[in-house]
PDB file of N, CA and C in Angstrom:
ATOM      1  N   MET A   1     -17.015  -5.242   7.787  1.00  0.00           N
ATOM      2  CA  MET A   1     -15.781  -6.006   7.766  1.00  0.00           C
ATOM      3  C   MET A   1     -15.988  -7.268   8.601  1.00  0.00           C
ATOM      4  N   THR A   2     -15.571  -8.394   8.069  1.00  0.00           N
ATOM      5  CA  THR A   2     -15.744  -9.659   8.779  1.00  0.00           C
ATOM      6  C   THR A   2     -14.685  -9.805   9.863  1.00  0.00           C
ATOM      7  N   ASP A   3     -14.930 -10.766  10.751  1.00  0.00           N
ATOM      8  CA  ASP A   3     -13.966 -11.037  11.818  1.00  0.00           C
ATOM      9  C   ASP A   3     -12.620 -11.457  11.247  1.00  0.00           C
ATOM     10  N   GLN A   4     -12.652 -12.260  10.196  1.00  0.00           N
ATOM     11  CA  GLN A   4     -11.408 -12.720   9.586  1.00  0.00           C
ATOM     12  C   GLN A   4     -10.627 -11.542   8.999  1.00  0.00           C
ATOM     13  N   GLN A   5     -11.304 -10.615   8.348  1.00  0.00           N
ATOM     14  CA  GLN A   5     -10.633  -9.444   7.796  1.00  0.00           C
ATOM     15  C   GLN A   5     -10.042  -8.573   8.903  1.00  0.00           C
ATOM     16  N   GLN A   6     -10.751  -8.441  10.005  1.00  0.00           N
ATOM     17  CA  GLN A   6     -10.248  -7.661  11.127  1.00  0.00           C
ATOM     18  C   GLN A   6      -8.992  -8.297  11.726  1.00  0.00           C
ATOM     19  N   ILE A   7      -8.997  -9.623  11.819  1.00  0.00           N
ATOM     20  CA  ILE A   7      -7.827 -10.331  12.348  1.00  0.00           C
ATOM     21  C   ILE A   7      -6.624 -10.141  11.429  1.00  0.00           C
ATOM     22  N   ILE A   8      -6.856 -10.275  10.124  1.00  0.00           N
ATOM     23  CA  ILE A   8      -5.765 -10.107   9.165  1.00  0.00           C
ATOM     24  C   ILE A   8      -5.228  -8.683   9.214  1.00  0.00           C
ATOM     25  N   LEU A   9      -6.117  -7.704   9.276  1.00  0.00           N
ATOM     26  CA  LEU A   9      -5.688  -6.314   9.353  1.00  0.00           C
ATOM     27  C   LEU A   9      -4.897  -6.048  10.628  1.00  0.00           C
ATOM     28  N   LYS A  10      -5.328  -6.640  11.730  1.00  0.00           N
ATOM     29  CA  LYS A  10      -4.606  -6.479  12.991  1.00  0.00           C
ATOM     30  C   LYS A  10      -3.217  -7.110  12.902  1.00  0.00           C
ATOM     31  N   MET A  11      -3.113  -8.269  12.264  1.00  0.00           N
ATOM     32  CA  MET A  11      -1.819  -8.926  12.104  1.00  0.00           C
ATOM     33  C   MET A  11      -0.885  -8.101  11.224  1.00  0.00           C
ATOM     34  N   VAL A  12      -1.415  -7.568  10.135  1.00  0.00           N
ATOM     35  CA  VAL A  12      -0.602  -6.782   9.204  1.00  0.00           C
ATOM     36  C   VAL A  12      -0.111  -5.502   9.873  1.00  0.00           C
ATOM     37  N   THR A  13      -1.002  -4.800  10.544  1.00  0.00           N
ATOM     38  CA  THR A  13      -0.584  -3.557  11.199  1.00  0.00           C
ATOM     39  C   THR A  13       0.384  -3.834  12.343  1.00  0.00           C
ATOM     40  N   GLY A  14       0.205  -4.928  13.036  1.00  0.00           N
ATOM     41  CA  GLY A  14       1.138  -5.299  14.105  1.00  0.00           C
ATOM     42  C   GLY A  14       2.525  -5.586  13.556  1.00  0.00           C
ATOM     43  N   ALA A  15       2.589  -6.303  12.438  1.00  0.00           N
ATOM     44  CA  ALA A  15       3.881  -6.603  11.806  1.00  0.00           C
ATOM     45  C   ALA A  15       4.530  -5.318  11.295  1.00  0.00           C
ATOM     46  N   TRP A  16       3.726  -4.433  10.702  1.00  0.00           N
ATOM     47  CA  TRP A  16       4.257  -3.157  10.210  1.00  0.00           C
ATOM     48  C   TRP A  16       4.831  -2.337  11.363  1.00  0.00           C
ATOM     49  N   GLU A  17       4.113  -2.263  12.469  1.00  0.00           N
ATOM     50  CA  GLU A  17       4.588  -1.510  13.630  1.00  0.00           C
ATOM     51  C   GLU A  17       5.886  -2.098  14.184  1.00  0.00           C
ATOM     52  N   THR A  18       5.984  -3.420  14.213  1.00  0.00           N
ATOM     53  CA  THR A  18       7.197  -4.080  14.687  1.00  0.00           C
ATOM     54  C   THR A  18       8.392  -3.717  13.813  1.00  0.00           C
ATOM     55  N   GLN A  19       8.215  -3.820  12.497  1.00  0.00           N
ATOM     56  CA  GLN A  19       9.318  -3.514  11.581  1.00  0.00           C
ATOM     57  C   GLN A  19       9.675  -2.027  11.622  1.00  0.00           C
ATOM     58  N   ALA A  20       8.678  -1.162  11.728  1.00  0.00           N
ATOM     59  CA  ALA A  20       8.941   0.276  11.808  1.00  0.00           C
ATOM     60  C   ALA A  20       9.730   0.612  13.075  1.00  0.00           C
ATOM     61  N   SER A  21       9.407  -0.037  14.178  1.00  0.00           N
ATOM     62  CA  SER A  21      10.147   0.235  15.419  1.00  0.00           C
ATOM     63  C   SER A  21      11.578  -0.293  15.329  1.00  0.00           C
ATOM     64  N   ARG A  22      11.772  -1.402  14.637  1.00  0.00           N
ATOM     65  CA  ARG A  22      13.131  -1.931  14.443  1.00  0.00           C
ATOM     66  C   ARG A  22      13.974  -0.993  13.596  1.00  0.00           C
ATOM     67  N   VAL A  23      13.382  -0.456  12.531  1.00  0.00           N
ATOM     68  CA  VAL A  23      14.109   0.487  11.674  1.00  0.00           C
ATOM     69  C   VAL A  23      14.430   1.747  12.460  1.00  0.00           C
ATOM     70  N   THR A  24      13.471   2.233  13.226  1.00  0.00           N
ATOM     71  CA  THR A  24      13.696   3.428  14.042  1.00  0.00           C
ATOM     72  C   THR A  24      14.826   3.206  15.027  1.00  0.00           C
ATOM     73  N   LYS A  25      14.838   2.050  15.664  1.00  0.00           N
ATOM     74  CA  LYS A  25      15.894   1.728  16.623  1.00  0.00           C
ATOM     75  C   LYS A  25      17.258   1.701  15.926  1.00  0.00           C
ATOM     76  N   LEU A  26      17.314   1.101  14.749  1.00  0.00           N
ATOM     77  CA  LEU A  26      18.563   1.051  13.986  1.00  0.00           C
ATOM     78  C   LEU A  26      19.020   2.449  13.598  1.00  0.00           C
ATOM     79  N   LEU A  27      18.110   3.260  13.083  1.00  0.00           N
ATOM     80  CA  LEU A  27      18.477   4.605  12.640  1.00  0.00           C
ATOM     81  C   LEU A  27      18.942   5.475  13.800  1.00  0.00           C
ATOM     82  N   ASN A  28      18.393   5.250  14.976  1.00  0.00           N
ATOM     83  CA  ASN A  28      18.812   6.017  16.150  1.00  0.00           C
ATOM     84  C   ASN A  28      20.239   5.681  16.578  1.00  0.00           C
ATOM     85  N   THR A  29      20.729   4.512  16.204  1.00  0.00           N
ATOM     86  CA  THR A  29      22.091   4.121  16.574  1.00  0.00           C
ATOM     87  C   THR A  29      23.130   4.598  15.566  1.00  0.00           C
ATOM     88  N   LEU A  30      22.698   4.950  14.353  1.00  0.00           N
ATOM     89  CA  LEU A  30      23.637   5.345  13.306  1.00  0.00           C
ATOM     90  C   LEU A  30      23.967   6.831  13.400  1.00  0.00           C
ATOM     91  N   LEU A  31      25.204   7.153  13.167  1.00  0.00           N
ATOM     92  CA  LEU A  31      25.625   8.546  13.112  1.00  0.00           C
ATOM     93  C   LEU A  31      25.254   9.139  11.755  1.00  0.00           C
ATOM     94  N   ASP A  32      25.090  10.457  11.702  1.00  0.00           N
ATOM     95  CA  ASP A  32      24.738  11.128  10.451  1.00  0.00           C
ATOM     96  C   ASP A  32      25.762  10.847   9.358  1.00  0.00           C
ATOM     97  N   GLU A  33      27.030  10.796   9.724  1.00  0.00           N
ATOM     98  CA  GLU A  33      28.073  10.538   8.731  1.00  0.00           C
ATOM     99  C   GLU A  33      27.878   9.168   8.072  1.00  0.00           C
ATOM    100  N   LYS A  34      27.435   8.217   8.862  1.00  0.00           N
ATOM    101  CA  LYS A  34      27.208   6.870   8.329  1.00  0.00           C
ATOM    102  C   LYS A  34      26.043   6.871   7.335  1.00  0.00           C
ATOM    103  N   LEU A  35      24.981   7.609   7.652  1.00  0.00           N
ATOM    104  CA  LEU A  35      23.831   7.683   6.747  1.00  0.00           C
ATOM    105  C   LEU A  35      24.156   8.443   5.466  1.00  0.00           C
ATOM    106  N   LEU A  36      25.085   9.370   5.538  1.00  0.00           N
ATOM    107  CA  LEU A  36      25.433  10.167   4.362  1.00  0.00           C
ATOM    108  C   LEU A  36      26.428   9.465   3.448  1.00  0.00           C
ATOM    109  N   SER A  37      27.068   8.415   3.936  1.00  0.00           N
ATOM    110  CA  SER A  37      28.037   7.709   3.098  1.00  0.00           C
ATOM    111  C   SER A  37      27.316   6.744   2.155  1.00  0.00           C
ATOM    112  N   GLU A  38      28.019   6.355   1.092  1.00  0.00           N
ATOM    113  CA  GLU A  38      27.452   5.423   0.116  1.00  0.00           C
ATOM    114  C   GLU A  38      27.292   4.043   0.741  1.00  0.00           C
ATOM    115  N   THR A  39      26.214   3.355   0.369  1.00  0.00           N
ATOM    116  CA  THR A  39      25.991   2.008   0.897  1.00  0.00           C
ATOM    117  C   THR A  39      26.929   0.994   0.250  1.00  0.00           C
ATOM    118  N   ALA A  40      27.371   1.296  -0.954  1.00  0.00           N
ATOM    119  CA  ALA A  40      28.355   0.498  -1.689  1.00  0.00           C
ATOM    120  C   ALA A  40      29.037   1.460  -2.658  1.00  0.00           C
ATOM    121  N   PRO A  41      30.204   1.091  -3.203  1.00  0.00           N
ATOM    122  CA  PRO A  41      30.873   1.997  -4.138  1.00  0.00           C
ATOM    123  C   PRO A  41      29.946   2.409  -5.293  1.00  0.00           C
ATOM    124  N   SER A  42      29.846   3.701  -5.517  1.00  0.00           N
ATOM    125  CA  SER A  42      29.020   4.287  -6.588  1.00  0.00           C
ATOM    126  C   SER A  42      27.531   3.976  -6.419  1.00  0.00           C
ATOM    127  N   ARG A  43      27.070   3.846  -5.187  1.00  0.00           N
ATOM    128  CA  ARG A  43      25.649   3.591  -4.907  1.00  0.00           C
ATOM    129  C   ARG A  43      25.078   4.730  -4.083  1.00  0.00           C
ATOM    130  N   ASN A  44      23.765   4.678  -3.863  1.00  0.00           N
ATOM    131  CA  ASN A  44      23.077   5.718  -3.104  1.00  0.00           C
ATOM    132  C   ASN A  44      23.495   5.727  -1.645  1.00  0.00           C
ATOM    133  N   SER A  45      23.250   6.862  -1.010  1.00  0.00           N
ATOM    134  CA  SER A  45      23.565   6.977   0.416  1.00  0.00           C
ATOM    135  C   SER A  45      22.460   6.323   1.242  1.00  0.00           C
ATOM    136  N   GLY A  46      22.769   6.081   2.494  1.00  0.00           N
ATOM    137  CA  GLY A  46      21.770   5.523   3.403  1.00  0.00           C
ATOM    138  C   GLY A  46      20.596   6.460   3.583  1.00  0.00           C
ATOM    139  N   LEU A  47      20.847   7.764   3.582  1.00  0.00           N
ATOM    140  CA  LEU A  47      19.784   8.749   3.732  1.00  0.00           C
ATOM    141  C   LEU A  47      18.798   8.671   2.576  1.00  0.00           C
ATOM    142  N   TYR A  48      19.299   8.488   1.370  1.00  0.00           N
ATOM    143  CA  TYR A  48      18.451   8.330   0.187  1.00  0.00           C
ATOM    144  C   TYR A  48      17.556   7.097   0.341  1.00  0.00           C
ATOM    145  N   LEU A  49      18.136   6.007   0.813  1.00  0.00           N
ATOM    146  CA  LEU A  49      17.372   4.775   0.993  1.00  0.00           C
ATOM    147  C   LEU A  49      16.324   4.923   2.094  1.00  0.00           C
ATOM    148  N   VAL A  50      16.651   5.639   3.167  1.00  0.00           N
ATOM    149  CA  VAL A  50      15.698   5.878   4.243  1.00  0.00           C
ATOM    150  C   VAL A  50      14.518   6.697   3.718  1.00  0.00           C
ATOM    151  N   GLY A  51      14.791   7.653   2.851  1.00  0.00           N
ATOM    152  CA  GLY A  51      13.724   8.450   2.249  1.00  0.00           C
ATOM    153  C   GLY A  51      12.762   7.591   1.456  1.00  0.00           C
ATOM    154  N   HIS A  52      13.288   6.661   0.693  1.00  0.00           N
ATOM    155  CA  HIS A  52      12.431   5.761  -0.073  1.00  0.00           C
ATOM    156  C   HIS A  52      11.646   4.825   0.844  1.00  0.00           C
ATOM    157  N   LEU A  53      12.267   4.370   1.896  1.00  0.00           N
ATOM    158  CA  LEU A  53      11.589   3.516   2.862  1.00  0.00           C
ATOM    159  C   LEU A  53      10.420   4.264   3.511  1.00  0.00           C
ATOM    160  N   ALA A  54      10.637   5.518   3.842  1.00  0.00           N
ATOM    161  CA  ALA A  54       9.568   6.334   4.435  1.00  0.00           C
ATOM    162  C   ALA A  54       8.434   6.551   3.443  1.00  0.00           C
ATOM    163  N   ALA A  55       8.772   6.795   2.182  1.00  0.00           N
ATOM    164  CA  ALA A  55       7.739   7.009   1.164  1.00  0.00           C
ATOM    165  C   ALA A  55       6.884   5.760   0.969  1.00  0.00           C
ATOM    166  N   VAL A  56       7.508   4.610   0.920  1.00  0.00           N
ATOM    167  CA  VAL A  56       6.767   3.359   0.744  1.00  0.00           C
ATOM    168  C   VAL A  56       5.906   3.089   1.981  1.00  0.00           C
ATOM    169  N   SER A  57       6.456   3.350   3.141  1.00  0.00           N
ATOM    170  CA  SER A  57       5.703   3.137   4.376  1.00  0.00           C
ATOM    171  C   SER A  57       4.457   4.031   4.418  1.00  0.00           C
ATOM    172  N   ASP A  58       4.624   5.293   4.024  1.00  0.00           N
ATOM    173  CA  ASP A  58       3.489   6.215   3.994  1.00  0.00           C
ATOM    174  C   ASP A  58       2.447   5.807   2.963  1.00  0.00           C
ATOM    175  N   ALA A  59       2.885   5.212   1.874  1.00  0.00           N
ATOM    176  CA  ALA A  59       1.964   4.817   0.814  1.00  0.00           C
ATOM    177  C   ALA A  59       1.117   3.596   1.209  1.00  0.00           C
ATOM    178  N   LEU A  60       1.493   2.914   2.277  1.00  0.00           N
ATOM    179  CA  LEU A  60       0.719   1.742   2.700  1.00  0.00           C
ATOM    180  C   LEU A  60      -0.617   2.117   3.333  1.00  0.00           C
ATOM    181  N   PHE A  61      -0.697   3.292   3.933  1.00  0.00           N
ATOM    182  CA  PHE A  61      -1.933   3.683   4.630  1.00  0.00           C
ATOM    183  C   PHE A  61      -3.169   3.680   3.712  1.00  0.00           C
ATOM    184  N   PRO A  62      -3.111   4.261   2.534  1.00  0.00           N
ATOM    185  CA  PRO A  62      -4.307   4.222   1.662  1.00  0.00           C
ATOM    186  C   PRO A  62      -4.709   2.797   1.273  1.00  0.00           C
ATOM    187  N   LEU A  63      -3.749   1.892   1.220  1.00  0.00           N
ATOM    188  CA  LEU A  63      -4.073   0.512   0.856  1.00  0.00           C
ATOM    189  C   LEU A  63      -4.861  -0.193   1.952  1.00  0.00           C
ATOM    190  N   MET A  64      -4.628   0.217   3.180  1.00  0.00           N
ATOM    191  CA  MET A  64      -5.335  -0.405   4.292  1.00  0.00           C
ATOM    192  C   MET A  64      -6.675   0.255   4.476  1.00  0.00           C
TER     193      MET A  64
END
């Protein structure tokens, strides 16, 4: 791996960690009732969306 690739990988993982910590901080402030309610009328719940966010986040590891 070249130095440039290592720098890019470090930047990407750093940005991912920053965003993951922000989401974690947000989720820690929300009550369960809020996550279980619909995000908009006749739309999915926040919990459903968090599940998809976790799945996409986990799928990034093989790409790196």
